[in-house]
């Protein structure tokens, strides 16, 4: 009986360790993803500034980018300056 209780306690402790490791791994993965997306945004800005006068290369860079970007929206109350 004592051996069975000990096995149950060991299994419970192991499960707690695995849950903790999974949680820490998830947090590390999300932080790495956040940093990667931030680096992508910085790189995107560098590419746009570097090739602002080279429209063909700029379009090729936009096409090659595989990271989806959220559409840029204007703040509310700002009139649209595009011509109809």
PDB file of N, CA and C in Angstrom:
ATOM      1  N   UNK A   1       0.826  -1.190   0.000  1.00  0.00           N
ATOM      2  CA  UNK A   1       0.000   0.000   0.000  1.00  0.00           C
ATOM      3  C   UNK A   1       0.875   1.261   0.000  1.00  0.00           C
ATOM      4  N   UNK A   2       1.919   1.257   0.826  1.00  0.00           N
ATOM      5  CA  UNK A   2       2.803   2.424   0.885  1.00  0.00           C
ATOM      6  C   UNK A   2       3.490   2.659  -0.456  1.00  0.00           C
ATOM      7  N   UNK A   3       3.849   1.580  -1.143  1.00  0.00           N
ATOM      8  CA  UNK A   3       4.497   1.713  -2.446  1.00  0.00           C
ATOM      9  C   UNK A   3       3.535   2.337  -3.459  1.00  0.00           C
ATOM     10  N   UNK A   4       2.283   1.967  -3.429  1.00  0.00           N
ATOM     11  CA  UNK A   4       1.283   2.531  -4.343  1.00  0.00           C
ATOM     12  C   UNK A   4       1.058   4.009  -4.061  1.00  0.00           C
ATOM     13  N   UNK A   5       1.023   4.364  -2.794  1.00  0.00           N
ATOM     14  CA  UNK A   5       0.847   5.777  -2.420  1.00  0.00           C
ATOM     15  C   UNK A   5       2.043   6.588  -2.900  1.00  0.00           C
ATOM     16  N   UNK A   6       3.245   6.024  -2.725  1.00  0.00           N
ATOM     17  CA  UNK A   6       4.461   6.719  -3.138  1.00  0.00           C
ATOM     18  C   UNK A   6       4.468   6.909  -4.668  1.00  0.00           C
ATOM     19  N   UNK A   7       4.066   5.895  -5.416  1.00  0.00           N
ATOM     20  CA  UNK A   7       3.997   6.003  -6.874  1.00  0.00           C
ATOM     21  C   UNK A   7       3.001   7.081  -7.299  1.00  0.00           C
ATOM     22  N   UNK A   8       1.866   7.145  -6.610  1.00  0.00           N
ATOM     23  CA  UNK A   8       0.860   8.157  -6.915  1.00  0.00           C
ATOM     24  C   UNK A   8       1.403   9.557  -6.639  1.00  0.00           C
ATOM     25  N   UNK A   9       2.092   9.731  -5.515  1.00  0.00           N
ATOM     26  CA  UNK A   9       2.676  11.033  -5.184  1.00  0.00           C
ATOM     27  C   UNK A   9       3.755  11.423  -6.187  1.00  0.00           C
ATOM     28  N   UNK A  10       4.573  10.440  -6.590  1.00  0.00           N
ATOM     29  CA  UNK A  10       5.614  10.723  -7.585  1.00  0.00           C
ATOM     30  C   UNK A  10       4.998  11.143  -8.919  1.00  0.00           C
ATOM     31  N   UNK A  11       3.951  10.442  -9.316  1.00  0.00           N
ATOM     32  CA  UNK A  11       3.279  10.775 -10.568  1.00  0.00           C
ATOM     33  C   UNK A  11       2.663  12.171 -10.499  1.00  0.00           C
ATOM     34  N   UNK A  12       2.098  12.521  -9.371  1.00  0.00           N
ATOM     35  CA  UNK A  12       1.501  13.849  -9.208  1.00  0.00           C
ATOM     36  C   UNK A  12       2.573  14.938  -9.271  1.00  0.00           C
ATOM     37  N   UNK A  13       3.713  14.686  -8.630  1.00  0.00           N
ATOM     38  CA  UNK A  13       4.813  15.659  -8.677  1.00  0.00           C
ATOM     39  C   UNK A  13       5.357  15.804 -10.093  1.00  0.00           C
ATOM     40  N   UNK A  14       5.485  14.680 -10.797  1.00  0.00           N
ATOM     41  CA  UNK A  14       5.966  14.720 -12.169  1.00  0.00           C
ATOM     42  C   UNK A  14       4.996  15.500 -13.055  1.00  0.00           C
ATOM     43  N   UNK A  15       3.710  15.298 -12.852  1.00  0.00           N
ATOM     44  CA  UNK A  15       2.712  16.032 -13.633  1.00  0.00           C
ATOM     45  C   UNK A  15       2.822  17.528 -13.354  1.00  0.00           C
ATOM     46  N   UNK A  16       3.020  17.908 -12.107  1.00  0.00           N
ATOM     47  CA  UNK A  16       3.161  19.326 -11.758  1.00  0.00           C
ATOM     48  C   UNK A  16       4.401  19.920 -12.432  1.00  0.00           C
ATOM     49  N   UNK A  17       5.498  19.165 -12.473  1.00  0.00           N
ATOM     50  CA  UNK A  17       6.721  19.649 -13.127  1.00  0.00           C
ATOM     51  C   UNK A  17       6.493  19.848 -14.623  1.00  0.00           C
ATOM     52  N   UNK A  18       5.810  18.889 -15.236  1.00  0.00           N
ATOM     53  CA  UNK A  18       5.550  18.976 -16.668  1.00  0.00           C
ATOM     54  C   UNK A  18       4.645  20.166 -16.977  1.00  0.00           C
ATOM     55  N   UNK A  19       3.636  20.395 -16.172  1.00  0.00           N
ATOM     56  CA  UNK A  19       2.746  21.541 -16.390  1.00  0.00           C
ATOM     57  C   UNK A  19       3.508  22.850 -16.256  1.00  0.00           C
ATOM     58  N   UNK A  20       4.402  22.929 -15.276  1.00  0.00           N
ATOM     59  CA  UNK A  20       5.203  24.132 -15.078  1.00  0.00           C
ATOM     60  C   UNK A  20       6.133  24.342 -16.271  1.00  0.00           C
ATOM     61  N   UNK A  21       6.789  23.272 -16.706  1.00  0.00           N
ATOM     62  CA  UNK A  21       7.696  23.378 -17.850  1.00  0.00           C
ATOM     63  C   UNK A  21       6.939  23.797 -19.106  1.00  0.00           C
ATOM     64  N   UNK A  22       5.757  23.249 -19.312  1.00  0.00           N
ATOM     65  CA  UNK A  22       4.949  23.611 -20.477  1.00  0.00           C
ATOM     66  C   UNK A  22       4.559  25.086 -20.420  1.00  0.00           C
ATOM     67  N   UNK A  23       4.177  25.544 -19.255  1.00  0.00           N
ATOM     68  CA  UNK A  23       3.791  26.940 -19.094  1.00  0.00           C
ATOM     69  C   UNK A  23       4.967  27.874 -19.369  1.00  0.00           C
ATOM     70  N   UNK A  24       6.134  27.522 -18.830  1.00  0.00           N
ATOM     71  CA  UNK A  24       7.326  28.348 -19.057  1.00  0.00           C
ATOM     72  C   UNK A  24       7.735  28.315 -20.534  1.00  0.00           C
ATOM     73  N   UNK A  25       7.619  27.146 -21.147  1.00  0.00           N
ATOM     74  CA  UNK A  25       7.951  27.031 -22.562  1.00  0.00           C
ATOM     75  C   UNK A  25       7.026  27.867 -23.425  1.00  0.00           C
ATOM     76  N   UNK A  26       5.757  27.872 -23.084  1.00  0.00           N
ATOM     77  CA  UNK A  26       4.784  28.678 -23.832  1.00  0.00           C
ATOM     78  C   UNK A  26       5.091  30.163 -23.695  1.00  0.00           C
ATOM     79  N   UNK A  27       5.416  30.590 -22.479  1.00  0.00           N
ATOM     80  CA  UNK A  27       5.756  32.004 -22.270  1.00  0.00           C
ATOM     81  C   UNK A  27       7.009  32.380 -23.056  1.00  0.00           C
ATOM     82  N   UNK A  28       8.012  31.494 -23.054  1.00  0.00           N
ATOM     83  CA  UNK A  28       9.242  31.766 -23.806  1.00  0.00           C
ATOM     84  C   UNK A  28       8.957  31.823 -25.300  1.00  0.00           C
ATOM     85  N   UNK A  29       8.121  30.921 -25.789  1.00  0.00           N
ATOM     86  CA  UNK A  29       7.767  30.913 -27.206  1.00  0.00           C
ATOM     87  C   UNK A  29       7.024  32.188 -27.593  1.00  0.00           C
ATOM     88  N   UNK A  30       6.084  32.614 -26.778  1.00  0.00           N
ATOM     89  CA  UNK A  30       5.338  33.839 -27.085  1.00  0.00           C
ATOM     90  C   UNK A  30       6.253  35.056 -27.066  1.00  0.00           C
ATOM     91  N   UNK A  31       7.206  35.095 -26.134  1.00  0.00           N
ATOM     92  CA  UNK A  31       8.150  36.212 -26.076  1.00  0.00           C
ATOM     93  C   UNK A  31       9.050  36.205 -27.316  1.00  0.00           C
ATOM     94  N   UNK A  32       9.496  35.027 -27.729  1.00  0.00           N
ATOM     95  CA  UNK A  32      10.319  34.931 -28.940  1.00  0.00           C
ATOM     96  C   UNK A  32       9.525  35.386 -30.162  1.00  0.00           C
ATOM     97  N   UNK A  33       8.276  35.004 -30.233  1.00  0.00           N
ATOM     98  CA  UNK A  33       7.429  35.430 -31.339  1.00  0.00           C
ATOM     99  C   UNK A  33       7.241  36.942 -31.333  1.00  0.00           C
ATOM    100  N   UNK A  34       7.024  37.511 -30.158  1.00  0.00           N
ATOM    101  CA  UNK A  34       6.875  38.971 -30.049  1.00  0.00           C
ATOM    102  C   UNK A  34       8.136  39.670 -30.539  1.00  0.00           C
ATOM    103  N   UNK A  35       9.301  39.170 -30.119  1.00  0.00           N
ATOM    104  CA  UNK A  35      10.565  39.772 -30.542  1.00  0.00           C
ATOM    105  C   UNK A  35      10.789  39.619 -32.043  1.00  0.00           C
ATOM    106  N   UNK A  36      10.431  38.459 -32.589  1.00  0.00           N
ATOM    107  CA  UNK A  36      10.596  38.229 -34.023  1.00  0.00           C
ATOM    108  C   UNK A  36       9.707  39.164 -34.841  1.00  0.00           C
ATOM    109  N   UNK A  37       8.473  39.339 -34.406  1.00  0.00           N
ATOM    110  CA  UNK A  37       7.572  40.248 -35.125  1.00  0.00           C
ATOM    111  C   UNK A  37       8.056  41.693 -35.039  1.00  0.00           C
ATOM    112  N   UNK A  38       8.594  42.080 -33.881  1.00  0.00           N
ATOM    113  CA  UNK A  38       9.148  43.430 -33.736  1.00  0.00           C
ATOM    114  C   UNK A  38      10.353  43.605 -34.663  1.00  0.00           C
ATOM    115  N   UNK A  39      11.206  42.598 -34.748  1.00  0.00           N
ATOM    116  CA  UNK A  39      12.356  42.664 -35.653  1.00  0.00           C
ATOM    117  C   UNK A  39      11.880  42.747 -37.102  1.00  0.00           C
ATOM    118  N   UNK A  40      10.827  42.020 -37.429  1.00  0.00           N
ATOM    119  CA  UNK A  40      10.264  42.083 -38.775  1.00  0.00           C
ATOM    120  C   UNK A  40       9.748  43.467 -39.111  1.00  0.00           C
ATOM    121  N   UNK A  41       9.110  44.104 -38.141  1.00  0.00           N
ATOM    122  CA  UNK A  41       8.611  45.467 -38.377  1.00  0.00           C
ATOM    123  C   UNK A  41       9.777  46.436 -38.596  1.00  0.00           C
ATOM    124  N   UNK A  42      10.847  46.270 -37.795  1.00  0.00           N
ATOM    125  CA  UNK A  42      12.021  47.136 -37.976  1.00  0.00           C
ATOM    126  C   UNK A  42      12.650  46.897 -39.347  1.00  0.00           C
ATOM    127  N   UNK A  43      12.773  45.627 -39.733  1.00  0.00           N
ATOM    128  CA  UNK A  43      13.339  45.295 -41.036  1.00  0.00           C
ATOM    129  C   UNK A  43      12.476  45.866 -42.156  1.00  0.00           C
ATOM    130  N   UNK A  44      11.171  45.760 -42.008  1.00  0.00           N
ATOM    131  CA  UNK A  44      10.255  46.297 -43.003  1.00  0.00           C
ATOM    132  C   UNK A  44      10.469  47.800 -43.174  1.00  0.00           C
ATOM    133  N   UNK A  45      10.629  48.498 -42.063  1.00  0.00           N
ATOM    134  CA  UNK A  45      10.859  49.948 -42.133  1.00  0.00           C
ATOM    135  C   UNK A  45      12.188  50.254 -42.823  1.00  0.00           C
ATOM    136  N   UNK A  46      13.210  49.465 -42.529  1.00  0.00           N
ATOM    137  CA  UNK A  46      14.510  49.665 -43.168  1.00  0.00           C
ATOM    138  C   UNK A  46      14.389  49.451 -44.679  1.00  0.00           C
ATOM    139  N   UNK A  47      13.710  48.389 -45.071  1.00  0.00           N
ATOM    140  CA  UNK A  47      13.549  48.096 -46.501  1.00  0.00           C
ATOM    141  C   UNK A  47      12.764  49.202 -47.199  1.00  0.00           C
ATOM    142  N   UNK A  48      11.692  49.658 -46.574  1.00  0.00           N
ATOM    143  CA  UNK A  48      10.886  50.721 -47.194  1.00  0.00           C
ATOM    144  C   UNK A  48      11.693  52.009 -47.346  1.00  0.00           C
ATOM    145  N   UNK A  49      12.510  52.325 -46.343  1.00  0.00           N
ATOM    146  CA  UNK A  49      13.324  53.543 -46.435  1.00  0.00           C
ATOM    147  C   UNK A  49      14.467  53.385 -47.424  1.00  0.00           C
ATOM    148  N   UNK A  50      15.093  52.227 -47.431  1.00  0.00           N
ATOM    149  CA  UNK A  50      16.221  52.003 -48.331  1.00  0.00           C
ATOM    150  C   UNK A  50      15.789  52.020 -49.792  1.00  0.00           C
ATOM    151  N   UNK A  51      14.653  51.406 -50.083  1.00  0.00           N
ATOM    152  CA  UNK A  51      14.212  51.271 -51.459  1.00  0.00           C
ATOM    153  C   UNK A  51      13.026  52.172 -51.800  1.00  0.00           C
ATOM    154  N   UNK A  52      12.874  53.275 -51.107  1.00  0.00           N
ATOM    155  CA  UNK A  52      11.720  54.140 -51.353  1.00  0.00           C
ATOM    156  C   UNK A  52      11.713  54.713 -52.770  1.00  0.00           C
ATOM    157  N   UNK A  53      12.863  54.832 -53.406  1.00  0.00           N
ATOM    158  CA  UNK A  53      12.915  55.346 -54.777  1.00  0.00           C
ATOM    159  C   UNK A  53      13.061  54.230 -55.806  1.00  0.00           C
ATOM    160  N   UNK A  54      13.123  52.999 -55.372  1.00  0.00           N
ATOM    161  CA  UNK A  54      13.252  51.843 -56.267  1.00  0.00           C
ATOM    162  C   UNK A  54      11.985  51.006 -56.130  1.00  0.00           C
ATOM    163  N   UNK A  55      10.962  51.380 -56.869  1.00  0.00           N
ATOM    164  CA  UNK A  55       9.642  50.782 -56.707  1.00  0.00           C
ATOM    165  C   UNK A  55       9.609  49.299 -57.069  1.00  0.00           C
ATOM    166  N   UNK A  56      10.425  48.884 -58.013  1.00  0.00           N
ATOM    167  CA  UNK A  56      10.438  47.469 -58.414  1.00  0.00           C
ATOM    168  C   UNK A  56      10.983  46.609 -57.275  1.00  0.00           C
ATOM    169  N   UNK A  57      12.094  47.016 -56.702  1.00  0.00           N
ATOM    170  CA  UNK A  57      12.676  46.261 -55.584  1.00  0.00           C
ATOM    171  C   UNK A  57      11.753  46.303 -54.377  1.00  0.00           C
ATOM    172  N   UNK A  58      11.156  47.449 -54.127  1.00  0.00           N
ATOM    173  CA  UNK A  58      10.243  47.571 -52.992  1.00  0.00           C
ATOM    174  C   UNK A  58       9.052  46.628 -53.156  1.00  0.00           C
ATOM    175  N   UNK A  59       8.487  46.548 -54.338  1.00  0.00           N
ATOM    176  CA  UNK A  59       7.370  45.633 -54.582  1.00  0.00           C
ATOM    177  C   UNK A  59       7.815  44.177 -54.433  1.00  0.00           C
ATOM    178  N   UNK A  60       9.038  43.882 -54.877  1.00  0.00           N
ATOM    179  CA  UNK A  60       9.558  42.521 -54.730  1.00  0.00           C
ATOM    180  C   UNK A  60       9.716  42.174 -53.247  1.00  0.00           C
ATOM    181  N   UNK A  61      10.163  43.116 -52.450  1.00  0.00           N
ATOM    182  CA  UNK A  61      10.298  42.891 -51.002  1.00  0.00           C
ATOM    183  C   UNK A  61       8.931  42.670 -50.369  1.00  0.00           C
ATOM    184  N   UNK A  62       7.963  43.467 -50.768  1.00  0.00           N
ATOM    185  CA  UNK A  62       6.605  43.303 -50.232  1.00  0.00           C
ATOM    186  C   UNK A  62       6.051  41.934 -50.596  1.00  0.00           C
ATOM    187  N   UNK A  63       6.297  41.517 -51.830  1.00  0.00           N
ATOM    188  CA  UNK A  63       5.795  40.223 -52.301  1.00  0.00           C
ATOM    189  C   UNK A  63       6.488  39.068 -51.562  1.00  0.00           C
ATOM    190  N   UNK A  64       7.777  39.222 -51.265  1.00  0.00           N
ATOM    191  CA  UNK A  64       8.544  38.154 -50.610  1.00  0.00           C
ATOM    192  C   UNK A  64       8.228  38.043 -49.126  1.00  0.00           C
ATOM    193  N   UNK A  65       7.700  39.102 -48.540  1.00  0.00           N
ATOM    194  CA  UNK A  65       7.398  39.091 -47.108  1.00  0.00           C
ATOM    195  C   UNK A  65       6.267  38.105 -46.839  1.00  0.00           C
ATOM    196  N   UNK A  66       6.512  37.182 -45.937  1.00  0.00           N
ATOM    197  CA  UNK A  66       5.509  36.165 -45.639  1.00  0.00           C
ATOM    198  C   UNK A  66       4.814  36.409 -44.303  1.00  0.00           C
ATOM    199  N   UNK A  67       5.162  37.484 -43.648  1.00  0.00           N
ATOM    200  CA  UNK A  67       4.539  37.811 -42.369  1.00  0.00           C
ATOM    201  C   UNK A  67       3.344  38.706 -42.649  1.00  0.00           C
ATOM    202  N   UNK A  68       2.143  38.240 -42.333  1.00  0.00           N
ATOM    203  CA  UNK A  68       0.972  39.085 -42.594  1.00  0.00           C
ATOM    204  C   UNK A  68       0.994  40.342 -41.725  1.00  0.00           C
ATOM    205  N   UNK A  69       0.615  41.400 -42.305  1.00  0.00           N
ATOM    206  CA  UNK A  69       0.579  42.684 -41.589  1.00  0.00           C
ATOM    207  C   UNK A  69      -0.873  43.102 -41.426  1.00  0.00           C
ATOM    208  N   UNK A  70      -1.170  43.687 -40.294  1.00  0.00           N
ATOM    209  CA  UNK A  70      -2.508  44.225 -40.075  1.00  0.00           C
ATOM    210  C   UNK A  70      -2.648  45.479 -40.934  1.00  0.00           C
ATOM    211  N   UNK A  71      -3.817  45.694 -41.514  1.00  0.00           N
ATOM    212  CA  UNK A  71      -3.983  46.899 -42.330  1.00  0.00           C
ATOM    213  C   UNK A  71      -3.851  48.145 -41.463  1.00  0.00           C
ATOM    214  N   UNK A  72      -3.235  49.152 -42.045  1.00  0.00           N
ATOM    215  CA  UNK A  72      -3.076  50.409 -41.316  1.00  0.00           C
ATOM    216  C   UNK A  72      -4.390  51.175 -41.401  1.00  0.00           C
ATOM    217  N   UNK A  73      -4.868  51.613 -40.281  1.00  0.00           N
ATOM    218  CA  UNK A  73      -6.112  52.372 -40.255  1.00  0.00           C
ATOM    219  C   UNK A  73      -5.816  53.784 -39.789  1.00  0.00           C
ATOM    220  N   UNK A  74      -6.604  54.697 -40.284  1.00  0.00           N
ATOM    221  CA  UNK A  74      -6.460  56.084 -39.883  1.00  0.00           C
ATOM    222  C   UNK A  74      -7.236  56.307 -38.591  1.00  0.00           C
ATOM    223  N   UNK A  75      -6.739  57.191 -37.748  1.00  0.00           N
ATOM    224  CA  UNK A  75      -7.508  57.510 -36.540  1.00  0.00           C
ATOM    225  C   UNK A  75      -8.861  58.095 -36.918  1.00  0.00           C
ATOM    226  N   UNK A  76      -9.835  57.861 -36.070  1.00  0.00           N
ATOM    227  CA  UNK A  76     -11.171  58.389 -36.341  1.00  0.00           C
ATOM    228  C   UNK A  76     -11.126  59.910 -36.365  1.00  0.00           C
ATOM    229  N   UNK A  77     -11.879  60.466 -37.270  1.00  0.00           N
ATOM    230  CA  UNK A  77     -11.957  61.917 -37.360  1.00  0.00           C
ATOM    231  C   UNK A  77     -10.973  62.504 -38.361  1.00  0.00           C
ATOM    232  N   UNK A  78     -10.053  61.672 -38.906  1.00  0.00           N
ATOM    233  CA  UNK A  78      -9.105  62.176 -39.887  1.00  0.00           C
ATOM    234  C   UNK A  78      -9.727  61.994 -41.266  1.00  0.00           C
ATOM    235  N   UNK A  79      -9.881  63.078 -42.012  1.00  0.00           N
ATOM    236  CA  UNK A  79     -10.513  62.980 -43.324  1.00  0.00           C
ATOM    237  C   UNK A  79      -9.631  62.219 -44.309  1.00  0.00           C
ATOM    238  N   UNK A  80     -10.266  61.523 -45.240  1.00  0.00           N
ATOM    239  CA  UNK A  80      -9.559  60.792 -46.268  1.00  0.00           C
ATOM    240  C   UNK A  80      -9.081  61.787 -47.312  1.00  0.00           C
ATOM    241  N   UNK A  81      -7.780  61.796 -47.603  1.00  0.00           N
ATOM    242  CA  UNK A  81      -7.229  62.766 -48.554  1.00  0.00           C
ATOM    243  C   UNK A  81      -7.129  62.189 -49.951  1.00  0.00           C
ATOM    244  N   UNK A  82      -7.506  60.929 -50.121  1.00  0.00           N
ATOM    245  CA  UNK A  82      -7.460  60.309 -51.446  1.00  0.00           C
ATOM    246  C   UNK A  82      -8.518  60.947 -52.336  1.00  0.00           C
ATOM    247  N   UNK A  83      -8.163  61.079 -53.604  1.00  0.00           N
ATOM    248  CA  UNK A  83      -9.116  61.674 -54.539  1.00  0.00           C
ATOM    249  C   UNK A  83     -10.109  60.627 -54.993  1.00  0.00           C
ATOM    250  N   UNK A  84     -11.377  61.023 -55.206  1.00  0.00           N
ATOM    251  CA  UNK A  84     -12.412  60.064 -55.610  1.00  0.00           C
ATOM    252  C   UNK A  84     -12.213  59.508 -56.985  1.00  0.00           C
TER     253      UNK A  84
END
